[in-house]
Amino acid sequence: MKTLMSLIVFFSLLFTAGSAWAMGTVNVNEADAQTISRALSGVGMARAEAIVAHREQNGPFTSVHQLTQVRGIGSRTVEQNLDRIVVGAQGQQE
């Protein structure tokens, strides 16, 4: 019984730690695709790579809402991640 309880606690902490990582902020003008996909909810590797490709082709994002110009990133995804996305220096969300 103690072993089962220990396993439950272990996995609970494991999943909570992953969520805490996802709750950090990410500067989409500087981060690589892997970092973006880890930090943003609803953004997998393909969409994160699209964000990086868009940034490389069109220059840095000047507004969080410009992310909707990236194929596969809608306003709902942006709204869900507003507190995690940074586009400017020094933590500006603009």
C-alpha atoms as a PDB file:
ATOM      1  CA  MET A   1       0.000   0.000   0.000  1.00  0.00           C
ATOM      2  CA  LYS A   2       2.855   2.398   0.817  1.00  0.00           C
ATOM      3  CA  THR A   3       4.458   1.602  -2.528  1.00  0.00           C
ATOM      4  CA  LEU A   4       1.249   2.420  -4.367  1.00  0.00           C
ATOM      5  CA  MET A   5       0.859   5.673  -2.479  1.00  0.00           C
ATOM      6  CA  SER A   6       4.489   6.563  -3.177  1.00  0.00           C
ATOM      7  CA  LEU A   7       3.962   5.944  -6.890  1.00  0.00           C
ATOM      8  CA  ILE A   8       0.850   8.106  -6.940  1.00  0.00           C
ATOM      9  CA  VAL A   9       2.709  10.946  -5.242  1.00  0.00           C
ATOM     10  CA  PHE A  10       5.703  10.533  -7.560  1.00  0.00           C
ATOM     11  CA  PHE A  11       3.622  10.700 -10.743  1.00  0.00           C
ATOM     12  CA  SER A  12       1.582  13.603  -9.410  1.00  0.00           C
ATOM     13  CA  LEU A  13       4.762  15.560  -8.784  1.00  0.00           C
ATOM     14  CA  LEU A  14       6.143  14.554 -12.159  1.00  0.00           C
ATOM     15  CA  PHE A  15       3.120  15.874 -14.036  1.00  0.00           C
ATOM     16  CA  THR A  16       2.956  19.003 -11.903  1.00  0.00           C
ATOM     17  CA  ALA A  17       6.594  19.781 -12.675  1.00  0.00           C
ATOM     18  CA  GLY A  18       5.871  19.513 -16.404  1.00  0.00           C
ATOM     19  CA  SER A  19       2.992  21.936 -16.062  1.00  0.00           C
ATOM     20  CA  ALA A  20       5.161  24.364 -14.151  1.00  0.00           C
ATOM     21  CA  TRP A  21       7.694  24.308 -16.996  1.00  0.00           C
ATOM     22  CA  ALA A  22       4.944  25.073 -19.503  1.00  0.00           C
ATOM     23  CA  MET A  23       3.818  28.039 -17.415  1.00  0.00           C
ATOM     24  CA  GLY A  24       7.083  29.947 -17.948  1.00  0.00           C
ATOM     25  CA  THR A  25       7.341  32.740 -20.490  1.00  0.00           C
ATOM     26  CA  VAL A  26       8.936  32.431 -23.897  1.00  0.00           C
ATOM     27  CA  ASN A  27      10.238  35.154 -26.180  1.00  0.00           C
ATOM     28  CA  VAL A  28       9.009  34.024 -29.595  1.00  0.00           C
ATOM     29  CA  ASN A  29      11.531  36.346 -31.257  1.00  0.00           C
ATOM     30  CA  GLU A  30      14.489  34.547 -29.699  1.00  0.00           C
ATOM     31  CA  ALA A  31      13.455  31.010 -28.747  1.00  0.00           C
ATOM     32  CA  ASP A  32      13.988  27.923 -30.841  1.00  0.00           C
ATOM     33  CA  ALA A  33      11.082  25.718 -31.905  1.00  0.00           C
ATOM     34  CA  GLN A  34      11.609  23.185 -29.130  1.00  0.00           C
ATOM     35  CA  THR A  35      11.469  25.858 -26.437  1.00  0.00           C
ATOM     36  CA  ILE A  36       8.352  27.410 -27.961  1.00  0.00           C
ATOM     37  CA  SER A  37       6.560  24.058 -28.176  1.00  0.00           C
ATOM     38  CA  ARG A  38       7.347  23.294 -24.535  1.00  0.00           C
ATOM     39  CA  ALA A  39       6.235  26.668 -23.223  1.00  0.00           C
ATOM     40  CA  LEU A  40       3.015  27.226 -25.150  1.00  0.00           C
ATOM     41  CA  SER A  41      -0.170  25.288 -24.613  1.00  0.00           C
ATOM     42  CA  GLY A  42      -1.633  23.859 -27.816  1.00  0.00           C
ATOM     43  CA  VAL A  43       1.552  24.457 -29.816  1.00  0.00           C
ATOM     44  CA  GLY A  44       3.416  21.348 -30.910  1.00  0.00           C
ATOM     45  CA  MET A  45       6.693  21.100 -32.787  1.00  0.00           C
ATOM     46  CA  ALA A  46       5.171  21.693 -36.241  1.00  0.00           C
ATOM     47  CA  ARG A  47       3.479  24.924 -35.171  1.00  0.00           C
ATOM     48  CA  ALA A  48       6.526  26.042 -33.213  1.00  0.00           C
ATOM     49  CA  GLU A  49       8.680  25.466 -36.316  1.00  0.00           C
ATOM     50  CA  ALA A  50       6.164  27.518 -38.315  1.00  0.00           C
ATOM     51  CA  ILE A  51       6.538  30.361 -35.791  1.00  0.00           C
ATOM     52  CA  VAL A  52      10.326  30.284 -36.176  1.00  0.00           C
ATOM     53  CA  ALA A  53      10.078  30.114 -39.996  1.00  0.00           C
ATOM     54  CA  HIS A  54       7.660  33.057 -40.052  1.00  0.00           C
ATOM     55  CA  ARG A  55       9.982  35.060 -37.822  1.00  0.00           C
ATOM     56  CA  GLU A  56      12.974  34.288 -40.055  1.00  0.00           C
ATOM     57  CA  GLN A  57      11.090  35.241 -43.235  1.00  0.00           C
ATOM     58  CA  ASN A  58       9.267  38.329 -41.952  1.00  0.00           C
ATOM     59  CA  GLY A  59      11.365  39.650 -39.103  1.00  0.00           C
ATOM     60  CA  PRO A  60      10.555  39.743 -35.400  1.00  0.00           C
ATOM     61  CA  PHE A  61       7.027  39.873 -34.081  1.00  0.00           C
ATOM     62  CA  THR A  62       6.119  43.301 -32.737  1.00  0.00           C
ATOM     63  CA  SER A  63       2.854  42.165 -31.148  1.00  0.00           C
ATOM     64  CA  VAL A  64       1.680  38.943 -29.553  1.00  0.00           C
ATOM     65  CA  HIS A  65      -1.360  39.016 -31.803  1.00  0.00           C
ATOM     66  CA  GLN A  66       0.839  38.890 -34.927  1.00  0.00           C
ATOM     67  CA  LEU A  67       1.269  35.203 -34.143  1.00  0.00           C
ATOM     68  CA  THR A  68      -2.144  34.678 -35.753  1.00  0.00           C
ATOM     69  CA  GLN A  69      -0.414  35.338 -39.088  1.00  0.00           C
ATOM     70  CA  VAL A  70       1.347  31.986 -38.646  1.00  0.00           C
ATOM     71  CA  ARG A  71      -0.526  29.115 -40.238  1.00  0.00           C
ATOM     72  CA  GLY A  72      -2.081  26.958 -37.516  1.00  0.00           C
ATOM     73  CA  ILE A  73      -1.952  29.635 -34.815  1.00  0.00           C
ATOM     74  CA  GLY A  74      -5.359  31.142 -34.186  1.00  0.00           C
ATOM     75  CA  SER A  75      -6.567  33.828 -31.866  1.00  0.00           C
ATOM     76  CA  ARG A  76      -7.735  31.205 -29.368  1.00  0.00           C
ATOM     77  CA  THR A  77      -4.215  29.763 -29.089  1.00  0.00           C
ATOM     78  CA  VAL A  78      -2.797  33.244 -28.605  1.00  0.00           C
ATOM     79  CA  GLU A  79      -5.410  34.099 -25.960  1.00  0.00           C
ATOM     80  CA  GLN A  80      -4.699  30.864 -24.052  1.00  0.00           C
ATOM     81  CA  ASN A  81      -1.017  31.746 -23.941  1.00  0.00           C
ATOM     82  CA  LEU A  82      -1.042  35.525 -23.458  1.00  0.00           C
ATOM     83  CA  ASP A  83       0.644  35.260 -20.079  1.00  0.00           C
ATOM     84  CA  ARG A  84       3.418  33.075 -21.536  1.00  0.00           C
ATOM     85  CA  ILE A  85       4.301  34.913 -24.774  1.00  0.00           C
ATOM     86  CA  VAL A  86       6.889  37.672 -24.891  1.00  0.00           C
ATOM     87  CA  VAL A  87       7.803  39.507 -28.103  1.00  0.00           C
ATOM     88  CA  GLY A  88       9.953  42.379 -26.881  1.00  0.00           C
ATOM     89  CA  ALA A  89      12.886  42.907 -24.617  1.00  0.00           C
ATOM     90  CA  GLN A  90      12.652  42.805 -20.829  1.00  0.00           C
ATOM     91  CA  GLY A  91       9.462  40.727 -20.668  1.00  0.00           C
ATOM     92  CA  GLN A  92       7.219  43.016 -22.715  1.00  0.00           C
ATOM     93  CA  GLN A  93       4.064  41.350 -24.020  1.00  0.00           C
ATOM     94  CA  GLU A  94       3.067  44.246 -26.300  1.00  0.00           C
END
